[in-house]
Amino acid sequence: MPVTKAVLVSLLIGLIVFCERLFPFAVFSKRKPGKLIHIFERFVPPIVMIGLLIYSLRNVRFASLGQWVPQISAIIFTIVTYLWKKNSLVSIFGGTIIYMVLIRVPL
């Protein structure tokens, strides 16, 4: 790819990203968000998390302990930690650490 074409493509991508970042401020800065935005704010994150959970468990097999214990243990740890501490960061990192340790332990 010629240098001029690469520069033009990079500038176009930068402009598109800038417009994407500017859009919410331009639309919502002058007025109060509507009910639809509040519905999205409330329900979309849990729906996305459920989708990610289903996606991450799609290949789990229950033939032996080593195939499902790490995933289920990490999920249970993440849920319990979040309900206890109400801190997503601690829950997610803790669940990830539990999973990474358990996949290396022979069961």
PDB file of N, CA and C in Angstrom:
ATOM      1  N   MET A   1       0.854  -1.167   0.000  1.00  0.00           N
ATOM      2  CA  MET A   1       0.000   0.000   0.000  1.00  0.00           C
ATOM      3  C   MET A   1       0.904   1.235   0.000  1.00  0.00           C
ATOM      4  N   PRO A   2       0.621   2.162  -0.883  1.00  0.00           N
ATOM      5  CA  PRO A   2       1.420   3.395  -0.904  1.00  0.00           C
ATOM      6  C   PRO A   2       1.241   4.197   0.384  1.00  0.00           C
ATOM      7  N   VAL A   3       2.247   4.977   0.706  1.00  0.00           N
ATOM      8  CA  VAL A   3       2.243   5.765   1.937  1.00  0.00           C
ATOM      9  C   VAL A   3       1.078   6.747   1.964  1.00  0.00           C
ATOM     10  N   THR A   4       0.787   7.407   0.861  1.00  0.00           N
ATOM     11  CA  THR A   4      -0.309   8.394   0.839  1.00  0.00           C
ATOM     12  C   THR A   4      -1.648   7.727   1.106  1.00  0.00           C
ATOM     13  N   LYS A   5      -1.855   6.542   0.560  1.00  0.00           N
ATOM     14  CA  LYS A   5      -3.108   5.825   0.794  1.00  0.00           C
ATOM     15  C   LYS A   5      -3.216   5.398   2.259  1.00  0.00           C
ATOM     16  N   ALA A   6      -2.117   4.942   2.833  1.00  0.00           N
ATOM     17  CA  ALA A   6      -2.105   4.539   4.242  1.00  0.00           C
ATOM     18  C   ALA A   6      -2.398   5.730   5.144  1.00  0.00           C
ATOM     19  N   VAL A   7      -1.842   6.882   4.824  1.00  0.00           N
ATOM     20  CA  VAL A   7      -2.092   8.084   5.622  1.00  0.00           C
ATOM     21  C   VAL A   7      -3.556   8.499   5.504  1.00  0.00           C
ATOM     22  N   LEU A   8      -4.121   8.458   4.308  1.00  0.00           N
ATOM     23  CA  LEU A   8      -5.525   8.822   4.123  1.00  0.00           C
ATOM     24  C   LEU A   8      -6.458   7.862   4.861  1.00  0.00           C
ATOM     25  N   VAL A   9      -6.173   6.581   4.798  1.00  0.00           N
ATOM     26  CA  VAL A   9      -6.983   5.597   5.520  1.00  0.00           C
ATOM     27  C   VAL A   9      -6.875   5.828   7.025  1.00  0.00           C
ATOM     28  N   SER A  10      -5.682   6.090   7.505  1.00  0.00           N
ATOM     29  CA  SER A  10      -5.494   6.356   8.935  1.00  0.00           C
ATOM     30  C   SER A  10      -6.251   7.599   9.373  1.00  0.00           C
ATOM     31  N   LEU A  11      -6.211   8.655   8.571  1.00  0.00           N
ATOM     32  CA  LEU A  11      -6.957   9.877   8.900  1.00  0.00           C
ATOM     33  C   LEU A  11      -8.459   9.630   8.893  1.00  0.00           C
ATOM     34  N   LEU A  12      -8.940   8.856   7.931  1.00  0.00           N
ATOM     35  CA  LEU A  12     -10.366   8.534   7.878  1.00  0.00           C
ATOM     36  C   LEU A  12     -10.797   7.734   9.092  1.00  0.00           C
ATOM     37  N   ILE A  13     -10.014   6.749   9.470  1.00  0.00           N
ATOM     38  CA  ILE A  13     -10.330   5.953  10.660  1.00  0.00           C
ATOM     39  C   ILE A  13     -10.302   6.834  11.907  1.00  0.00           C
ATOM     40  N   GLY A  14      -9.323   7.708  12.017  1.00  0.00           N
ATOM     41  CA  GLY A  14      -9.260   8.635  13.150  1.00  0.00           C
ATOM     42  C   GLY A  14     -10.477   9.545  13.207  1.00  0.00           C
ATOM     43  N   LEU A  15     -10.935  10.044  12.063  1.00  0.00           N
ATOM     44  CA  LEU A  15     -12.125  10.898  12.023  1.00  0.00           C
ATOM     45  C   LEU A  15     -13.374  10.129  12.447  1.00  0.00           C
ATOM     46  N   ILE A  16     -13.506   8.907  11.990  1.00  0.00           N
ATOM     47  CA  ILE A  16     -14.658   8.081  12.368  1.00  0.00           C
ATOM     48  C   ILE A  16     -14.665   7.811  13.868  1.00  0.00           C
ATOM     49  N   VAL A  17     -13.516   7.464  14.428  1.00  0.00           N
ATOM     50  CA  VAL A  17     -13.432   7.212  15.872  1.00  0.00           C
ATOM     51  C   VAL A  17     -13.741   8.486  16.654  1.00  0.00           C
ATOM     52  N   PHE A  18     -13.219   9.617  16.200  1.00  0.00           N
ATOM     53  CA  PHE A  18     -13.497  10.891  16.854  1.00  0.00           C
ATOM     54  C   PHE A  18     -14.998  11.187  16.853  1.00  0.00           C
ATOM     55  N   CYS A  19     -15.659  10.966  15.727  1.00  0.00           N
ATOM     56  CA  CYS A  19     -17.106  11.210  15.636  1.00  0.00           C
ATOM     57  C   CYS A  19     -17.892  10.261  16.536  1.00  0.00           C
ATOM     58  N   GLU A  20     -17.445   9.006  16.631  1.00  0.00           N
ATOM     59  CA  GLU A  20     -18.093   8.064  17.539  1.00  0.00           C
ATOM     60  C   GLU A  20     -17.980   8.522  18.987  1.00  0.00           C
ATOM     61  N   ARG A  21     -16.832   9.034  19.358  1.00  0.00           N
ATOM     62  CA  ARG A  21     -16.628   9.510  20.727  1.00  0.00           C
ATOM     63  C   ARG A  21     -17.392  10.800  21.001  1.00  0.00           C
ATOM     64  N   LEU A  22     -17.549  11.626  20.000  1.00  0.00           N
ATOM     65  CA  LEU A  22     -18.236  12.895  20.150  1.00  0.00           C
ATOM     66  C   LEU A  22     -19.758  12.745  20.206  1.00  0.00           C
ATOM     67  N   PHE A  23     -20.282  11.720  19.545  1.00  0.00           N
ATOM     68  CA  PHE A  23     -21.730  11.538  19.415  1.00  0.00           C
ATOM     69  C   PHE A  23     -22.497  11.586  20.738  1.00  0.00           C
ATOM     70  N   PRO A  24     -22.138  10.799  21.770  1.00  0.00           N
ATOM     71  CA  PRO A  24     -22.919  10.852  23.009  1.00  0.00           C
ATOM     72  C   PRO A  24     -22.925  12.234  23.661  1.00  0.00           C
ATOM     73  N   PHE A  25     -21.791  12.935  23.605  1.00  0.00           N
ATOM     74  CA  PHE A  25     -21.727  14.262  24.207  1.00  0.00           C
ATOM     75  C   PHE A  25     -22.592  15.255  23.437  1.00  0.00           C
ATOM     76  N   ALA A  26     -22.603  15.139  22.140  1.00  0.00           N
ATOM     77  CA  ALA A  26     -23.400  16.050  21.316  1.00  0.00           C
ATOM     78  C   ALA A  26     -24.890  15.795  21.488  1.00  0.00           C
ATOM     79  N   VAL A  27     -25.274  14.547  21.659  1.00  0.00           N
ATOM     80  CA  VAL A  27     -26.695  14.210  21.744  1.00  0.00           C
ATOM     81  C   VAL A  27     -27.246  14.414  23.151  1.00  0.00           C
ATOM     82  N   PHE A  28     -26.497  14.019  24.174  1.00  0.00           N
ATOM     83  CA  PHE A  28     -27.041  13.986  25.527  1.00  0.00           C
ATOM     84  C   PHE A  28     -26.575  15.103  26.452  1.00  0.00           C
ATOM     85  N   SER A  29     -25.758  16.003  26.021  1.00  0.00           N
ATOM     86  CA  SER A  29     -25.236  17.011  26.939  1.00  0.00           C
ATOM     87  C   SER A  29     -26.243  18.117  27.237  1.00  0.00           C
ATOM     88  N   LYS A  30     -27.164  18.397  26.353  1.00  0.00           N
ATOM     89  CA  LYS A  30     -28.085  19.522  26.533  1.00  0.00           C
ATOM     90  C   LYS A  30     -29.407  19.130  27.177  1.00  0.00           C
ATOM     91  N   ARG A  31     -29.758  17.885  27.127  1.00  0.00           N
ATOM     92  CA  ARG A  31     -31.063  17.484  27.660  1.00  0.00           C
ATOM     93  C   ARG A  31     -30.938  16.206  28.475  1.00  0.00           C
ATOM     94  N   LYS A  32     -32.000  15.919  29.178  1.00  0.00           N
ATOM     95  CA  LYS A  32     -32.050  14.742  30.023  1.00  0.00           C
ATOM     96  C   LYS A  32     -32.293  13.501  29.151  1.00  0.00           C
ATOM     97  N   PRO A  33     -31.577  12.406  29.396  1.00  0.00           N
ATOM     98  CA  PRO A  33     -31.800  11.196  28.593  1.00  0.00           C
ATOM     99  C   PRO A  33     -33.211  10.646  28.795  1.00  0.00           C
ATOM    100  N   GLY A  34     -33.740  10.021  27.764  1.00  0.00           N
ATOM    101  CA  GLY A  34     -35.082   9.472  27.825  1.00  0.00           C
ATOM    102  C   GLY A  34     -35.142   8.149  28.559  1.00  0.00           C
ATOM    103  N   LYS A  35     -36.365   7.614  28.630  1.00  0.00           N
ATOM    104  CA  LYS A  35     -36.581   6.354  29.335  1.00  0.00           C
ATOM    105  C   LYS A  35     -35.868   5.196  28.654  1.00  0.00           C
ATOM    106  N   LEU A  36     -35.771   5.252  27.335  1.00  0.00           N
ATOM    107  CA  LEU A  36     -35.117   4.168  26.606  1.00  0.00           C
ATOM    108  C   LEU A  36     -33.654   4.036  27.019  1.00  0.00           C
ATOM    109  N   ILE A  37     -32.987   5.148  27.213  1.00  0.00           N
ATOM    110  CA  ILE A  37     -31.588   5.117  27.646  1.00  0.00           C
ATOM    111  C   ILE A  37     -31.476   4.504  29.035  1.00  0.00           C
ATOM    112  N   HIS A  38     -32.414   4.814  29.913  1.00  0.00           N
ATOM    113  CA  HIS A  38     -32.391   4.238  31.262  1.00  0.00           C
ATOM    114  C   HIS A  38     -32.645   2.729  31.221  1.00  0.00           C
ATOM    115  N   ILE A  39     -33.500   2.283  30.296  1.00  0.00           N
ATOM    116  CA  ILE A  39     -33.745   0.851  30.145  1.00  0.00           C
ATOM    117  C   ILE A  39     -32.466   0.158  29.673  1.00  0.00           C
ATOM    118  N   PHE A  40     -31.809   0.744  28.660  1.00  0.00           N
ATOM    119  CA  PHE A  40     -30.547   0.174  28.183  1.00  0.00           C
ATOM    120  C   PHE A  40     -29.509   0.144  29.300  1.00  0.00           C
ATOM    121  N   GLU A  41     -29.431   1.223  30.043  1.00  0.00           N
ATOM    122  CA  GLU A  41     -28.454   1.336  31.122  1.00  0.00           C
ATOM    123  C   GLU A  41     -28.655   0.249  32.168  1.00  0.00           C
ATOM    124  N   ARG A  42     -29.900  -0.101  32.405  1.00  0.00           N
ATOM    125  CA  ARG A  42     -30.212  -1.061  33.454  1.00  0.00           C
ATOM    126  C   ARG A  42     -30.096  -2.517  32.989  1.00  0.00           C
ATOM    127  N   PHE A  43     -30.547  -2.816  31.769  1.00  0.00           N
ATOM    128  CA  PHE A  43     -30.680  -4.209  31.350  1.00  0.00           C
ATOM    129  C   PHE A  43     -29.602  -4.714  30.398  1.00  0.00           C
ATOM    130  N   VAL A  44     -28.958  -3.855  29.659  1.00  0.00           N
ATOM    131  CA  VAL A  44     -27.981  -4.338  28.679  1.00  0.00           C
ATOM    132  C   VAL A  44     -26.745  -4.966  29.337  1.00  0.00           C
ATOM    133  N   PRO A  45     -26.131  -4.367  30.371  1.00  0.00           N
ATOM    134  CA  PRO A  45     -24.951  -5.019  30.962  1.00  0.00           C
ATOM    135  C   PRO A  45     -25.204  -6.440  31.472  1.00  0.00           C
ATOM    136  N   PRO A  46     -26.303  -6.711  32.207  1.00  0.00           N
ATOM    137  CA  PRO A  46     -26.521  -8.105  32.618  1.00  0.00           C
ATOM    138  C   PRO A  46     -26.753  -9.044  31.437  1.00  0.00           C
ATOM    139  N   ILE A  47     -27.436  -8.566  30.401  1.00  0.00           N
ATOM    140  CA  ILE A  47     -27.673  -9.405  29.230  1.00  0.00           C
ATOM    141  C   ILE A  47     -26.352  -9.734  28.540  1.00  0.00           C
ATOM    142  N   VAL A  48     -25.469  -8.760  28.440  1.00  0.00           N
ATOM    143  CA  VAL A  48     -24.154  -9.001  27.836  1.00  0.00           C
ATOM    144  C   VAL A  48     -23.365  -9.996  28.680  1.00  0.00           C
ATOM    145  N   MET A  49     -23.401  -9.854  30.001  1.00  0.00           N
ATOM    146  CA  MET A  49     -22.684 -10.783  30.877  1.00  0.00           C
ATOM    147  C   MET A  49     -23.226 -12.203  30.750  1.00  0.00           C
ATOM    148  N   ILE A  50     -24.542 -12.358  30.656  1.00  0.00           N
ATOM    149  CA  ILE A  50     -25.136 -13.685  30.489  1.00  0.00           C
ATOM    150  C   ILE A  50     -24.699 -14.280  29.149  1.00  0.00           C
ATOM    151  N   GLY A  51     -24.689 -13.463  28.115  1.00  0.00           N
ATOM    152  CA  GLY A  51     -24.216 -13.938  26.812  1.00  0.00           C
ATOM    153  C   GLY A  51     -22.774 -14.397  26.863  1.00  0.00           C
ATOM    154  N   LEU A  52     -21.921 -13.631  27.536  1.00  0.00           N
ATOM    155  CA  LEU A  52     -20.515 -14.026  27.682  1.00  0.00           C
ATOM    156  C   LEU A  52     -20.364 -15.306  28.501  1.00  0.00           C
ATOM    157  N   LEU A  53     -21.195 -15.455  29.526  1.00  0.00           N
ATOM    158  CA  LEU A  53     -21.154 -16.659  30.352  1.00  0.00           C
ATOM    159  C   LEU A  53     -21.535 -17.882  29.522  1.00  0.00           C
ATOM    160  N   ILE A  54     -22.613 -17.765  28.751  1.00  0.00           N
ATOM    161  CA  ILE A  54     -23.036 -18.882  27.897  1.00  0.00           C
ATOM    162  C   ILE A  54     -21.951 -19.199  26.867  1.00  0.00           C
ATOM    163  N   TYR A  55     -21.389 -18.178  26.275  1.00  0.00           N
ATOM    164  CA  TYR A  55     -20.330 -18.384  25.282  1.00  0.00           C
ATOM    165  C   TYR A  55     -19.112 -19.065  25.887  1.00  0.00           C
ATOM    166  N   SER A  56     -18.747 -18.669  27.092  1.00  0.00           N
ATOM    167  CA  SER A  56     -17.552 -19.249  27.705  1.00  0.00           C
ATOM    168  C   SER A  56     -17.772 -20.690  28.163  1.00  0.00           C
ATOM    169  N   LEU A  57     -19.016 -21.075  28.398  1.00  0.00           N
ATOM    170  CA  LEU A  57     -19.309 -22.436  28.857  1.00  0.00           C
ATOM    171  C   LEU A  57     -19.773 -23.364  27.739  1.00  0.00           C
ATOM    172  N   ARG A  58     -19.731 -22.914  26.507  1.00  0.00           N
ATOM    173  CA  ARG A  58     -20.290 -23.698  25.406  1.00  0.00           C
ATOM    174  C   ARG A  58     -19.552 -25.007  25.154  1.00  0.00           C
ATOM    175  N   ASN A  59     -18.285 -25.084  25.459  1.00  0.00           N
ATOM    176  CA  ASN A  59     -17.505 -26.298  25.184  1.00  0.00           C
ATOM    177  C   ASN A  59     -17.170 -27.098  26.431  1.00  0.00           C
ATOM    178  N   VAL A  60     -17.808 -26.808  27.546  1.00  0.00           N
ATOM    179  CA  VAL A  60     -17.517 -27.531  28.787  1.00  0.00           C
ATOM    180  C   VAL A  60     -18.101 -28.939  28.689  1.00  0.00           C
ATOM    181  N   ARG A  61     -17.284 -29.919  29.010  1.00  0.00           N
ATOM    182  CA  ARG A  61     -17.708 -31.314  29.022  1.00  0.00           C
ATOM    183  C   ARG A  61     -17.670 -31.812  30.461  1.00  0.00           C
ATOM    184  N   PHE A  62     -18.591 -32.679  30.798  1.00  0.00           N
ATOM    185  CA  PHE A  62     -18.693 -33.181  32.161  1.00  0.00           C
ATOM    186  C   PHE A  62     -18.197 -34.618  32.282  1.00  0.00           C
ATOM    187  N   ALA A  63     -17.332 -35.033  31.366  1.00  0.00           N
ATOM    188  CA  ALA A  63     -16.819 -36.400  31.375  1.00  0.00           C
ATOM    189  C   ALA A  63     -15.864 -36.650  32.549  1.00  0.00           C
ATOM    190  N   SER A  64     -15.064 -35.655  32.891  1.00  0.00           N
ATOM    191  CA  SER A  64     -14.154 -35.803  34.025  1.00  0.00           C
ATOM    192  C   SER A  64     -14.078 -34.484  34.791  1.00  0.00           C
ATOM    193  N   LEU A  65     -13.594 -34.552  36.013  1.00  0.00           N
ATOM    194  CA  LEU A  65     -13.535 -33.352  36.865  1.00  0.00           C
ATOM    195  C   LEU A  65     -12.691 -32.244  36.262  1.00  0.00           C
ATOM    196  N   GLY A  66     -11.581 -32.601  35.667  1.00  0.00           N
ATOM    197  CA  GLY A  66     -10.670 -31.606  35.111  1.00  0.00           C
ATOM    198  C   GLY A  66     -11.270 -30.801  33.976  1.00  0.00           C
ATOM    199  N   GLN A  67     -12.373 -31.273  33.400  1.00  0.00           N
ATOM    200  CA  GLN A  67     -12.977 -30.577  32.277  1.00  0.00           C
ATOM    201  C   GLN A  67     -14.010 -29.539  32.690  1.00  0.00           C
ATOM    202  N   TRP A  68     -14.534 -29.604  33.913  1.00  0.00           N
ATOM    203  CA  TRP A  68     -15.555 -28.629  34.289  1.00  0.00           C
ATOM    204  C   TRP A  68     -15.327 -27.941  35.628  1.00  0.00           C
ATOM    205  N   VAL A  69     -14.537 -28.511  36.499  1.00  0.00           N
ATOM    206  CA  VAL A  69     -14.314 -27.912  37.819  1.00  0.00           C
ATOM    207  C   VAL A  69     -13.676 -26.521  37.734  1.00  0.00           C
ATOM    208  N   PRO A  70     -12.661 -26.292  36.899  1.00  0.00           N
ATOM    209  CA  PRO A  70     -12.074 -24.942  36.851  1.00  0.00           C
ATOM    210  C   PRO A  70     -13.086 -23.859  36.445  1.00  0.00           C
ATOM    211  N   GLN A  71     -13.889 -24.129  35.429  1.00  0.00           N
ATOM    212  CA  GLN A  71     -14.855 -23.136  34.973  1.00  0.00           C
ATOM    213  C   GLN A  71     -15.937 -22.868  36.020  1.00  0.00           C
ATOM    214  N   ILE A  72     -16.529 -23.926  36.534  1.00  0.00           N
ATOM    215  CA  ILE A  72     -17.621 -23.768  37.502  1.00  0.00           C
ATOM    216  C   ILE A  72     -17.103 -23.131  38.791  1.00  0.00           C
ATOM    217  N   SER A  73     -15.921 -23.526  39.235  1.00  0.00           N
ATOM    218  CA  SER A  73     -15.346 -22.936  40.457  1.00  0.00           C
ATOM    219  C   SER A  73     -15.088 -21.441  40.277  1.00  0.00           C
ATOM    220  N   ALA A  74     -14.549 -21.064  39.135  1.00  0.00           N
ATOM    221  CA  ALA A  74     -14.271 -19.651  38.877  1.00  0.00           C
ATOM    222  C   ALA A  74     -15.562 -18.844  38.805  1.00  0.00           C
ATOM    223  N   ILE A  75     -16.590 -19.403  38.192  1.00  0.00           N
ATOM    224  CA  ILE A  75     -17.879 -18.704  38.100  1.00  0.00           C
ATOM    225  C   ILE A  75     -18.497 -18.539  39.480  1.00  0.00           C
ATOM    226  N   ILE A  76     -18.490 -19.596  40.263  1.00  0.00           N
ATOM    227  CA  ILE A  76     -19.057 -19.515  41.621  1.00  0.00           C
ATOM    228  C   ILE A  76     -18.277 -18.508  42.457  1.00  0.00           C
ATOM    229  N   PHE A  77     -16.951 -18.551  42.372  1.00  0.00           N
ATOM    230  CA  PHE A  77     -16.131 -17.592  43.111  1.00  0.00           C
ATOM    231  C   PHE A  77     -16.461 -16.152  42.702  1.00  0.00           C
ATOM    232  N   THR A  78     -16.584 -15.930  41.400  1.00  0.00           N
ATOM    233  CA  THR A  78     -16.874 -14.586  40.896  1.00  0.00           C
ATOM    234  C   THR A  78     -18.226 -14.094  41.399  1.00  0.00           C
ATOM    235  N   ILE A  79     -19.233 -14.937  41.343  1.00  0.00           N
ATOM    236  CA  ILE A  79     -20.579 -14.539  41.785  1.00  0.00           C
ATOM    237  C   ILE A  79     -20.597 -14.263  43.281  1.00  0.00           C
ATOM    238  N   VAL A  80     -20.036 -15.180  44.063  1.00  0.00           N
ATOM    239  CA  VAL A  80     -20.046 -15.014  45.530  1.00  0.00           C
ATOM    240  C   VAL A  80     -19.250 -13.780  45.940  1.00  0.00           C
ATOM    241  N   THR A  81     -18.091 -13.578  45.331  1.00  0.00           N
ATOM    242  CA  THR A  81     -17.268 -12.412  45.665  1.00  0.00           C
ATOM    243  C   THR A  81     -17.988 -11.117  45.302  1.00  0.00           C
ATOM    244  N   TYR A  82     -18.657 -11.107  44.153  1.00  0.00           N
ATOM    245  CA  TYR A  82     -19.370  -9.888  43.770  1.00  0.00           C
ATOM    246  C   TYR A  82     -20.528  -9.607  44.729  1.00  0.00           C
ATOM    247  N   LEU A  83     -21.288 -10.635  45.083  1.00  0.00           N
ATOM    248  CA  LEU A  83     -22.402 -10.432  46.011  1.00  0.00           C
ATOM    249  C   LEU A  83     -21.915  -9.997  47.385  1.00  0.00           C
ATOM    250  N   TRP A  84     -20.721 -10.450  47.764  1.00  0.00           N
ATOM    251  CA  TRP A  84     -20.169 -10.109  49.076  1.00  0.00           C
ATOM    252  C   TRP A  84     -19.556  -8.710  49.076  1.00  0.00           C
ATOM    253  N   LYS A  85     -18.696  -8.416  48.122  1.00  0.00           N
ATOM    254  CA  LYS A  85     -17.938  -7.163  48.122  1.00  0.00           C
ATOM    255  C   LYS A  85     -18.523  -6.079  47.225  1.00  0.00           C
ATOM    256  N   LYS A  86     -19.391  -6.440  46.276  1.00  0.00           N
ATOM    257  CA  LYS A  86     -19.957  -5.481  45.312  1.00  0.00           C
ATOM    258  C   LYS A  86     -18.865  -4.763  44.519  1.00  0.00           C
ATOM    259  N   ASN A  87     -17.823  -5.504  44.178  1.00  0.00           N
ATOM    260  CA  ASN A  87     -16.705  -4.944  43.444  1.00  0.00           C
ATOM    261  C   ASN A  87     -16.423  -5.831  42.231  1.00  0.00           C
ATOM    262  N   SER A  88     -16.774  -5.346  41.053  1.00  0.00           N
ATOM    263  CA  SER A  88     -16.611  -6.137  39.830  1.00  0.00           C
ATOM    264  C   SER A  88     -15.160  -6.483  39.560  1.00  0.00           C
ATOM    265  N   LEU A  89     -14.278  -5.534  39.778  1.00  0.00           N
ATOM    266  CA  LEU A  89     -12.864  -5.741  39.478  1.00  0.00           C
ATOM    267  C   LEU A  89     -12.279  -6.879  40.312  1.00  0.00           C
ATOM    268  N   VAL A  90     -12.540  -6.864  41.598  1.00  0.00           N
ATOM    269  CA  VAL A  90     -12.038  -7.921  42.486  1.00  0.00           C
ATOM    270  C   VAL A  90     -12.638  -9.262  42.076  1.00  0.00           C
ATOM    271  N   SER A  91     -13.922  -9.289  41.774  1.00  0.00           N
ATOM    272  CA  SER A  91     -14.592 -10.530  41.411  1.00  0.00           C
ATOM    273  C   SER A  91     -14.036 -11.114  40.123  1.00  0.00           C
ATOM    274  N   ILE A  92     -13.889 -10.285  39.109  1.00  0.00           N
ATOM    275  CA  ILE A  92     -13.425 -10.768  37.812  1.00  0.00           C
ATOM    276  C   ILE A  92     -11.971 -11.227  37.887  1.00  0.00           C
ATOM    277  N   PHE A  93     -11.108 -10.423  38.512  1.00  0.00           N
ATOM    278  CA  PHE A  93      -9.712 -10.827  38.632  1.00  0.00           C
ATOM    279  C   PHE A  93      -9.570 -12.072  39.501  1.00  0.00           C
ATOM    280  N   GLY A  94     -10.323 -12.128  40.584  1.00  0.00           N
ATOM    281  CA  GLY A  94     -10.266 -13.311  41.445  1.00  0.00           C
ATOM    282  C   GLY A  94     -10.721 -14.564  40.721  1.00  0.00           C
ATOM    283  N   GLY A  95     -11.829 -14.473  39.993  1.00  0.00           N
ATOM    284  CA  GLY A  95     -12.317 -15.613  39.218  1.00  0.00           C
ATOM    285  C   GLY A  95     -11.321 -16.043  38.158  1.00  0.00           C
ATOM    286  N   THR A  96     -10.681 -15.075  37.520  1.00  0.00           N
ATOM    287  CA  THR A  96      -9.678 -15.396  36.504  1.00  0.00           C
ATOM    288  C   THR A  96      -8.481 -16.102  37.128  1.00  0.00           C
ATOM    289  N   ILE A  97      -8.035 -15.629  38.277  1.00  0.00           N
ATOM    290  CA  ILE A  97      -6.898 -16.261  38.964  1.00  0.00           C
ATOM    291  C   ILE A  97      -7.255 -17.684  39.378  1.00  0.00           C
ATOM    292  N   ILE A  98      -8.456 -17.870  39.946  1.00  0.00           N
ATOM    293  CA  ILE A  98      -8.907 -19.212  40.340  1.00  0.00           C
ATOM    294  C   ILE A  98      -8.898 -20.144  39.129  1.00  0.00           C
ATOM    295  N   TYR A  99      -9.439 -19.677  38.020  1.00  0.00           N
ATOM    296  CA  TYR A  99      -9.489 -20.489  36.804  1.00  0.00           C
ATOM    297  C   TYR A  99      -8.083 -20.837  36.313  1.00  0.00           C
ATOM    298  N   MET A 100      -7.204 -19.851  36.248  1.00  0.00           N
ATOM    299  CA  MET A 100      -5.852 -20.080  35.733  1.00  0.00           C
ATOM    300  C   MET A 100      -5.069 -21.048  36.623  1.00  0.00           C
ATOM    301  N   VAL A 101      -5.291 -20.995  37.917  1.00  0.00           N
ATOM    302  CA  VAL A 101      -4.609 -21.940  38.822  1.00  0.00           C
ATOM    303  C   VAL A 101      -5.189 -23.339  38.652  1.00  0.00           C
ATOM    304  N   LEU A 102      -6.520 -23.449  38.585  1.00  0.00           N
ATOM    305  CA  LEU A 102      -7.142 -24.765  38.523  1.00  0.00           C
ATOM    306  C   LEU A 102      -6.918 -25.502  37.205  1.00  0.00           C
ATOM    307  N   ILE A 103      -6.723 -24.780  36.107  1.00  0.00           N
ATOM    308  CA  ILE A 103      -6.475 -25.497  34.858  1.00  0.00           C
ATOM    309  C   ILE A 103      -5.077 -26.110  34.818  1.00  0.00           C
ATOM    310  N   ARG A 104      -4.222 -25.677  35.730  1.00  0.00           N
ATOM    311  CA  ARG A 104      -2.867 -26.217  35.778  1.00  0.00           C
ATOM    312  C   ARG A 104      -2.699 -27.304  36.854  1.00  0.00           C
ATOM    313  N   VAL A 105      -3.735 -27.491  37.651  1.00  0.00           N
ATOM    314  CA  VAL A 105      -3.700 -28.510  38.695  1.00  0.00           C
ATOM    315  C   VAL A 105      -4.361 -29.782  38.147  1.00  0.00           C
ATOM    316  N   PRO A 106      -3.666 -30.908  38.183  1.00  0.00           N
ATOM    317  CA  PRO A 106      -4.300 -32.137  37.677  1.00  0.00           C
ATOM    318  C   PRO A 106      -5.404 -32.611  38.635  1.00  0.00           C
ATOM    319  N   LEU A 107      -6.581 -32.824  38.076  1.00  0.00           N
ATOM    320  CA  LEU A 107      -7.716 -33.315  38.900  1.00  0.00           C
ATOM    321  C   LEU A 107      -8.070 -34.721  38.514  1.00  0.00           C
TER     322      LEU A 107
END
